[in-house]
């Protein structure tokens, strides 16, 4: 017997670093993610998630990043 959940939500936190050559500055900070994966059948699924990150750099500069991902997952 095999049980496959239709919806698989997830959350996460992480440390991020970015270096921008155009302004010659590095940023570091923390981000949080939230998303879900929906099963289409036993082999394929759809995945969506969003990450929000706030980072600080030199001279009290700040950067905020919002990233939205989507994709198709499959077993191989």
PDB file of N, CA and C in Angstrom:
ATOM      1  N   UNK A   1       0.833  -1.157   0.000  1.00  0.00           N
ATOM      2  CA  UNK A   1       0.000   0.000   0.000  1.00  0.00           C
ATOM      3  C   UNK A   1       0.891   1.237   0.000  1.00  0.00           C
ATOM      4  N   UNK A   2       0.548   2.219  -0.795  1.00  0.00           N
ATOM      5  CA  UNK A   2       1.297   3.461  -0.879  1.00  0.00           C
ATOM      6  C   UNK A   2       0.335   4.629  -0.674  1.00  0.00           C
ATOM      7  N   UNK A   3       0.743   5.582   0.162  1.00  0.00           N
ATOM      8  CA  UNK A   3      -0.080   6.762   0.417  1.00  0.00           C
ATOM      9  C   UNK A   3       0.666   7.982  -0.097  1.00  0.00           C
ATOM     10  N   UNK A   4       0.055   8.704  -1.014  1.00  0.00           N
ATOM     11  CA  UNK A   4       0.629   9.939  -1.541  1.00  0.00           C
ATOM     12  C   UNK A   4      -0.269  11.096  -1.160  1.00  0.00           C
ATOM     13  N   UNK A   5       0.281  12.076  -0.470  1.00  0.00           N
ATOM     14  CA  UNK A   5      -0.489  13.245  -0.112  1.00  0.00           C
ATOM     15  C   UNK A   5      -0.699  14.109  -1.339  1.00  0.00           C
ATOM     16  N   UNK A   6      -1.879  14.712  -1.452  1.00  0.00           N
ATOM     17  CA  UNK A   6      -2.186  15.583  -2.583  1.00  0.00           C
ATOM     18  C   UNK A   6      -1.438  16.911  -2.464  1.00  0.00           C
ATOM     19  N   UNK A   7      -1.439  17.513  -1.270  1.00  0.00           N
ATOM     20  CA  UNK A   7      -0.736  18.778  -1.015  1.00  0.00           C
ATOM     21  C   UNK A   7       0.361  18.539   0.015  1.00  0.00           C
ATOM     22  N   UNK A   8       1.561  19.081  -0.226  1.00  0.00           N
ATOM     23  CA  UNK A   8       2.680  18.953   0.704  1.00  0.00           C
ATOM     24  C   UNK A   8       3.263  20.352   0.977  1.00  0.00           C
ATOM     25  N   UNK A   9       2.723  21.068   1.976  1.00  0.00           N
ATOM     26  CA  UNK A   9       3.246  22.407   2.282  1.00  0.00           C
ATOM     27  C   UNK A   9       4.581  22.329   3.032  1.00  0.00           C
ATOM     28  N   UNK A  10       5.378  23.406   2.940  1.00  0.00           N
ATOM     29  CA  UNK A  10       6.643  23.457   3.652  1.00  0.00           C
ATOM     30  C   UNK A  10       7.005  24.907   3.960  1.00  0.00           C
ATOM     31  N   UNK A  11       7.858  25.064   4.972  1.00  0.00           N
ATOM     32  CA  UNK A  11       8.415  26.368   5.338  1.00  0.00           C
ATOM     33  C   UNK A  11       9.904  26.187   5.555  1.00  0.00           C
ATOM     34  N   UNK A  12      10.639  27.296   5.509  1.00  0.00           N
ATOM     35  CA  UNK A  12      12.075  27.203   5.731  1.00  0.00           C
ATOM     36  C   UNK A  12      12.681  28.554   6.070  1.00  0.00           C
ATOM     37  N   UNK A  13      13.849  28.526   6.645  1.00  0.00           N
ATOM     38  CA  UNK A  13      14.634  29.726   6.914  1.00  0.00           C
ATOM     39  C   UNK A  13      16.055  29.466   6.433  1.00  0.00           C
ATOM     40  N   UNK A  14      16.759  30.541   6.092  1.00  0.00           N
ATOM     41  CA  UNK A  14      18.114  30.363   5.603  1.00  0.00           C
ATOM     42  C   UNK A  14      18.928  31.633   5.664  1.00  0.00           C
ATOM     43  N   UNK A  15      20.218  31.488   5.511  1.00  0.00           N
ATOM     44  CA  UNK A  15      21.162  32.597   5.478  1.00  0.00           C
ATOM     45  C   UNK A  15      21.548  32.829   4.031  1.00  0.00           C
ATOM     46  N   UNK A  16      21.509  34.090   3.583  1.00  0.00           N
ATOM     47  CA  UNK A  16      21.817  34.420   2.193  1.00  0.00           C
ATOM     48  C   UNK A  16      22.919  35.461   2.111  1.00  0.00           C
ATOM     49  N   UNK A  17      23.693  35.397   1.045  1.00  0.00           N
ATOM     50  CA  UNK A  17      24.709  36.398   0.752  1.00  0.00           C
ATOM     51  C   UNK A  17      24.597  36.787  -0.712  1.00  0.00           C
ATOM     52  N   UNK A  18      24.726  38.058  -0.981  1.00  0.00           N
ATOM     53  CA  UNK A  18      24.694  38.564  -2.358  1.00  0.00           C
ATOM     54  C   UNK A  18      25.839  39.555  -2.526  1.00  0.00           C
ATOM     55  N   UNK A  19      26.454  39.536  -3.696  1.00  0.00           N
ATOM     56  CA  UNK A  19      27.499  40.506  -4.022  1.00  0.00           C
ATOM     57  C   UNK A  19      27.133  41.140  -5.359  1.00  0.00           C
ATOM     58  N   UNK A  20      26.964  42.446  -5.347  1.00  0.00           N
ATOM     59  CA  UNK A  20      26.590  43.177  -6.554  1.00  0.00           C
ATOM     60  C   UNK A  20      27.795  43.930  -7.066  1.00  0.00           C
ATOM     61  N   UNK A  21      28.219  43.606  -8.272  1.00  0.00           N
ATOM     62  CA  UNK A  21      29.401  44.242  -8.842  1.00  0.00           C
ATOM     63  C   UNK A  21      29.117  45.674  -9.260  1.00  0.00           C
ATOM     64  N   UNK A  22      27.860  45.969  -9.622  1.00  0.00           N
ATOM     65  CA  UNK A  22      27.545  47.311 -10.101  1.00  0.00           C
ATOM     66  C   UNK A  22      27.723  48.360  -9.008  1.00  0.00           C
ATOM     67  N   UNK A  23      27.446  48.007  -7.760  1.00  0.00           N
ATOM     68  CA  UNK A  23      27.631  48.946  -6.651  1.00  0.00           C
ATOM     69  C   UNK A  23      28.812  48.555  -5.770  1.00  0.00           C
ATOM     70  N   UNK A  24      29.503  47.487  -6.122  1.00  0.00           N
ATOM     71  CA  UNK A  24      30.669  46.972  -5.398  1.00  0.00           C
ATOM     72  C   UNK A  24      30.384  46.864  -3.900  1.00  0.00           C
ATOM     73  N   UNK A  25      29.319  46.142  -3.578  1.00  0.00           N
ATOM     74  CA  UNK A  25      28.922  45.967  -2.192  1.00  0.00           C
ATOM     75  C   UNK A  25      28.434  44.542  -1.983  1.00  0.00           C
ATOM     76  N   UNK A  26      28.639  44.026  -0.783  1.00  0.00           N
ATOM     77  CA  UNK A  26      28.162  42.703  -0.411  1.00  0.00           C
ATOM     78  C   UNK A  26      27.068  42.843   0.631  1.00  0.00           C
ATOM     79  N   UNK A  27      26.081  41.967   0.554  1.00  0.00           N
ATOM     80  CA  UNK A  27      24.960  41.966   1.485  1.00  0.00           C
ATOM     81  C   UNK A  27      24.826  40.573   2.082  1.00  0.00           C
ATOM     82  N   UNK A  28      24.439  40.516   3.349  1.00  0.00           N
ATOM     83  CA  UNK A  28      24.209  39.240   4.022  1.00  0.00           C
ATOM     84  C   UNK A  28      23.022  39.399   4.965  1.00  0.00           C
ATOM     85  N   UNK A  29      22.248  38.337   5.096  1.00  0.00           N
ATOM     86  CA  UNK A  29      21.101  38.385   5.997  1.00  0.00           C
ATOM     87  C   UNK A  29      20.330  37.077   5.969  1.00  0.00           C
ATOM     88  N   UNK A  30      19.161  37.112   6.558  1.00  0.00           N
ATOM     89  CA  UNK A  30      18.339  35.920   6.686  1.00  0.00           C
ATOM     90  C   UNK A  30      17.083  36.044   5.843  1.00  0.00           C
ATOM     91  N   UNK A  31      16.550  34.893   5.466  1.00  0.00           N
ATOM     92  CA  UNK A  31      15.326  34.852   4.684  1.00  0.00           C
ATOM     93  C   UNK A  31      14.409  33.750   5.173  1.00  0.00           C
ATOM     94  N   UNK A  32      13.149  33.883   4.824  1.00  0.00           N
ATOM     95  CA  UNK A  32      12.140  32.883   5.169  1.00  0.00           C
ATOM     96  C   UNK A  32      11.433  32.451   3.888  1.00  0.00           C
ATOM     97  N   UNK A  33      11.086  31.178   3.813  1.00  0.00           N
ATOM     98  CA  UNK A  33      10.419  30.614   2.638  1.00  0.00           C
ATOM     99  C   UNK A  33       9.134  29.927   3.048  1.00  0.00           C
ATOM    100  N   UNK A  34       8.180  29.955   2.145  1.00  0.00           N
ATOM    101  CA  UNK A  34       6.929  29.221   2.326  1.00  0.00           C
ATOM    102  C   UNK A  34       6.505  28.712   0.947  1.00  0.00           C
ATOM    103  N   UNK A  35       5.962  27.513   0.907  1.00  0.00           N
ATOM    104  CA  UNK A  35       5.558  26.963  -0.377  1.00  0.00           C
ATOM    105  C   UNK A  35       4.763  25.694  -0.221  1.00  0.00           C
ATOM    106  N   UNK A  36       4.409  25.132  -1.367  1.00  0.00           N
ATOM    107  CA  UNK A  36       3.670  23.886  -1.383  1.00  0.00           C
ATOM    108  C   UNK A  36       4.004  23.112  -2.653  1.00  0.00           C
ATOM    109  N   UNK A  37       3.812  21.821  -2.561  1.00  0.00           N
ATOM    110  CA  UNK A  37       3.935  20.942  -3.721  1.00  0.00           C
ATOM    111  C   UNK A  37       2.630  20.176  -3.853  1.00  0.00           C
ATOM    112  N   UNK A  38       2.099  20.121  -5.064  1.00  0.00           N
ATOM    113  CA  UNK A  38       0.849  19.418  -5.307  1.00  0.00           C
ATOM    114  C   UNK A  38       1.117  18.253  -6.236  1.00  0.00           C
ATOM    115  N   UNK A  39       0.696  17.079  -5.804  1.00  0.00           N
ATOM    116  CA  UNK A  39       0.891  15.874  -6.615  1.00  0.00           C
ATOM    117  C   UNK A  39      -0.097  15.868  -7.781  1.00  0.00           C
ATOM    118  N   UNK A  40       0.410  15.595  -8.981  1.00  0.00           N
ATOM    119  CA  UNK A  40      -0.456  15.420 -10.146  1.00  0.00           C
ATOM    120  C   UNK A  40      -0.783  13.947 -10.337  1.00  0.00           C
ATOM    121  N   UNK A  41       0.230  13.121 -10.181  1.00  0.00           N
ATOM    122  CA  UNK A  41       0.082  11.658 -10.179  1.00  0.00           C
ATOM    123  C   UNK A  41       1.270  11.098  -9.411  1.00  0.00           C
ATOM    124  N   UNK A  42       1.549   9.822  -9.509  1.00  0.00           N
ATOM    125  CA  UNK A  42       2.636   9.241  -8.709  1.00  0.00           C
ATOM    126  C   UNK A  42       4.024   9.692  -9.170  1.00  0.00           C
ATOM    127  N   UNK A  43       4.159  10.178 -10.389  1.00  0.00           N
ATOM    128  CA  UNK A  43       5.468  10.554 -10.908  1.00  0.00           C
ATOM    129  C   UNK A  43       5.694  12.065 -10.995  1.00  0.00           C
ATOM    130  N   UNK A  44       4.635  12.857 -11.161  1.00  0.00           N
ATOM    131  CA  UNK A  44       4.785  14.286 -11.405  1.00  0.00           C
ATOM    132  C   UNK A  44       4.079  15.122 -10.344  1.00  0.00           C
ATOM    133  N   UNK A  45       4.598  16.332 -10.148  1.00  0.00           N
ATOM    134  CA  UNK A  45       3.977  17.266  -9.224  1.00  0.00           C
ATOM    135  C   UNK A  45       4.301  18.697  -9.630  1.00  0.00           C
ATOM    136  N   UNK A  46       3.589  19.638  -9.048  1.00  0.00           N
ATOM    137  CA  UNK A  46       3.841  21.059  -9.253  1.00  0.00           C
ATOM    138  C   UNK A  46       4.350  21.638  -7.944  1.00  0.00           C
ATOM    139  N   UNK A  47       5.347  22.522  -8.027  1.00  0.00           N
ATOM    140  CA  UNK A  47       5.909  23.121  -6.817  1.00  0.00           C
ATOM    141  C   UNK A  47       5.898  24.638  -6.964  1.00  0.00           C
ATOM    142  N   UNK A  48       5.450  25.313  -5.911  1.00  0.00           N
ATOM    143  CA  UNK A  48       5.440  26.764  -5.845  1.00  0.00           C
ATOM    144  C   UNK A  48       6.018  27.180  -4.500  1.00  0.00           C
ATOM    145  N   UNK A  49       6.895  28.184  -4.499  1.00  0.00           N
ATOM    146  CA  UNK A  49       7.297  28.742  -3.220  1.00  0.00           C
ATOM    147  C   UNK A  49       7.814  30.159  -3.369  1.00  0.00           C
ATOM    148  N   UNK A  50       7.769  30.885  -2.266  1.00  0.00           N
ATOM    149  CA  UNK A  50       8.181  32.274  -2.219  1.00  0.00           C
ATOM    150  C   UNK A  50       9.195  32.453  -1.094  1.00  0.00           C
ATOM    151  N   UNK A  51      10.244  33.233  -1.366  1.00  0.00           N
ATOM    152  CA  UNK A  51      11.257  33.520  -0.357  1.00  0.00           C
ATOM    153  C   UNK A  51      11.346  35.036  -0.174  1.00  0.00           C
ATOM    154  N   UNK A  52      11.354  35.459   1.077  1.00  0.00           N
ATOM    155  CA  UNK A  52      11.525  36.864   1.438  1.00  0.00           C
ATOM    156  C   UNK A  52      12.815  36.975   2.235  1.00  0.00           C
ATOM    157  N   UNK A  53      13.708  37.852   1.819  1.00  0.00           N
ATOM    158  CA  UNK A  53      14.991  38.001   2.507  1.00  0.00           C
ATOM    159  C   UNK A  53      15.280  39.477   2.729  1.00  0.00           C
ATOM    160  N   UNK A  54      15.818  39.773   3.868  1.00  0.00           N
ATOM    161  CA  UNK A  54      16.294  41.122   4.164  1.00  0.00           C
ATOM    162  C   UNK A  54      17.767  41.015   4.544  1.00  0.00           C
ATOM    163  N   UNK A  55      18.582  41.868   3.922  1.00  0.00           N
ATOM    164  CA  UNK A  55      20.029  41.780   4.090  1.00  0.00           C
ATOM    165  C   UNK A  55      20.611  43.157   4.366  1.00  0.00           C
ATOM    166  N   UNK A  56      21.721  43.166   5.045  1.00  0.00           N
ATOM    167  CA  UNK A  56      22.427  44.403   5.333  1.00  0.00           C
ATOM    168  C   UNK A  56      23.808  44.382   4.712  1.00  0.00           C
ATOM    169  N   UNK A  57      24.284  45.573   4.355  1.00  0.00           N
ATOM    170  CA  UNK A  57      25.608  45.693   3.759  1.00  0.00           C
ATOM    171  C   UNK A  57      26.434  46.728   4.493  1.00  0.00           C
ATOM    172  N   UNK A  58      27.479  47.194   3.850  1.00  0.00           N
ATOM    173  CA  UNK A  58      28.350  48.191   4.470  1.00  0.00           C
ATOM    174  C   UNK A  58      27.671  49.559   4.481  1.00  0.00           C
ATOM    175  N   UNK A  59      28.115  50.406   5.371  1.00  0.00           N
ATOM    176  CA  UNK A  59      27.587  51.780   5.510  1.00  0.00           C
ATOM    177  C   UNK A  59      26.080  51.805   5.708  1.00  0.00           C
ATOM    178  N   UNK A  60      25.576  50.870   6.479  1.00  0.00           N
ATOM    179  CA  UNK A  60      24.146  50.773   6.822  1.00  0.00           C
ATOM    180  C   UNK A  60      23.237  50.642   5.600  1.00  0.00           C
ATOM    181  N   UNK A  61      23.760  50.142   4.494  1.00  0.00           N
ATOM    182  CA  UNK A  61      22.919  49.898   3.322  1.00  0.00           C
ATOM    183  C   UNK A  61      22.114  48.619   3.543  1.00  0.00           C
ATOM    184  N   UNK A  62      20.933  48.584   2.963  1.00  0.00           N
ATOM    185  CA  UNK A  62      20.040  47.437   3.130  1.00  0.00           C
ATOM    186  C   UNK A  62      19.520  46.988   1.774  1.00  0.00           C
ATOM    187  N   UNK A  63      19.181  45.716   1.707  1.00  0.00           N
ATOM    188  CA  UNK A  63      18.592  45.145   0.495  1.00  0.00           C
ATOM    189  C   UNK A  63      17.483  44.186   0.901  1.00  0.00           C
ATOM    190  N   UNK A  64      16.395  44.222   0.162  1.00  0.00           N
ATOM    191  CA  UNK A  64      15.279  43.304   0.374  1.00  0.00           C
ATOM    192  C   UNK A  64      15.052  42.544  -0.925  1.00  0.00           C
ATOM    193  N   UNK A  65      14.834  41.247  -0.799  1.00  0.00           N
ATOM    194  CA  UNK A  65      14.653  40.404  -1.979  1.00  0.00           C
ATOM    195  C   UNK A  65      13.411  39.543  -1.795  1.00  0.00           C
ATOM    196  N   UNK A  66      12.545  39.567  -2.781  1.00  0.00           N
ATOM    197  CA  UNK A  66      11.379  38.684  -2.810  1.00  0.00           C
ATOM    198  C   UNK A  66      11.501  37.850  -4.079  1.00  0.00           C
ATOM    199  N   UNK A  67      11.543  36.535  -3.907  1.00  0.00           N
ATOM    200  CA  UNK A  67      11.716  35.614  -5.027  1.00  0.00           C
ATOM    201  C   UNK A  67      10.546  34.644  -5.056  1.00  0.00           C
ATOM    202  N   UNK A  68       9.973  34.455  -6.246  1.00  0.00           N
ATOM    203  CA  UNK A  68       8.866  33.518  -6.422  1.00  0.00           C
ATOM    204  C   UNK A  68       9.307  32.457  -7.428  1.00  0.00           C
ATOM    205  N   UNK A  69       9.212  31.209  -7.023  1.00  0.00           N
ATOM    206  CA  UNK A  69       9.608  30.083  -7.860  1.00  0.00           C
ATOM    207  C   UNK A  69       8.396  29.213  -8.171  1.00  0.00           C
ATOM    208  N   UNK A  70       8.402  28.599  -9.328  1.00  0.00           N
ATOM    209  CA  UNK A  70       7.413  27.579  -9.661  1.00  0.00           C
ATOM    210  C   UNK A  70       8.080  26.573 -10.587  1.00  0.00           C
ATOM    211  N   UNK A  71       7.580  25.360 -10.548  1.00  0.00           N
ATOM    212  CA  UNK A  71       8.185  24.352 -11.401  1.00  0.00           C
ATOM    213  C   UNK A  71       7.445  23.026 -11.357  1.00  0.00           C
ATOM    214  N   UNK A  72       7.921  22.120 -12.174  1.00  0.00           N
ATOM    215  CA  UNK A  72       7.373  20.779 -12.256  1.00  0.00           C
ATOM    216  C   UNK A  72       8.399  19.830 -11.641  1.00  0.00           C
ATOM    217  N   UNK A  73       7.955  18.960 -10.763  1.00  0.00           N
ATOM    218  CA  UNK A  73       8.839  17.973 -10.167  1.00  0.00           C
ATOM    219  C   UNK A  73       8.502  16.596 -10.721  1.00  0.00           C
ATOM    220  N   UNK A  74       9.506  15.737 -10.803  1.00  0.00           N
ATOM    221  CA  UNK A  74       9.267  14.373 -11.280  1.00  0.00           C
ATOM    222  C   UNK A  74      10.290  13.432 -10.652  1.00  0.00           C
ATOM    223  N   UNK A  75       9.902  12.205 -10.497  1.00  0.00           N
ATOM    224  CA  UNK A  75      10.803  11.178  -9.968  1.00  0.00           C
ATOM    225  C   UNK A  75      11.581  10.549 -11.101  1.00  0.00           C
ATOM    226  N   UNK A  76      12.872  10.282 -10.847  1.00  0.00           N
ATOM    227  CA  UNK A  76      13.662   9.566 -11.847  1.00  0.00           C
ATOM    228  C   UNK A  76      14.585   8.594 -11.182  1.00  0.00           C
TER     229      UNK A  76
END
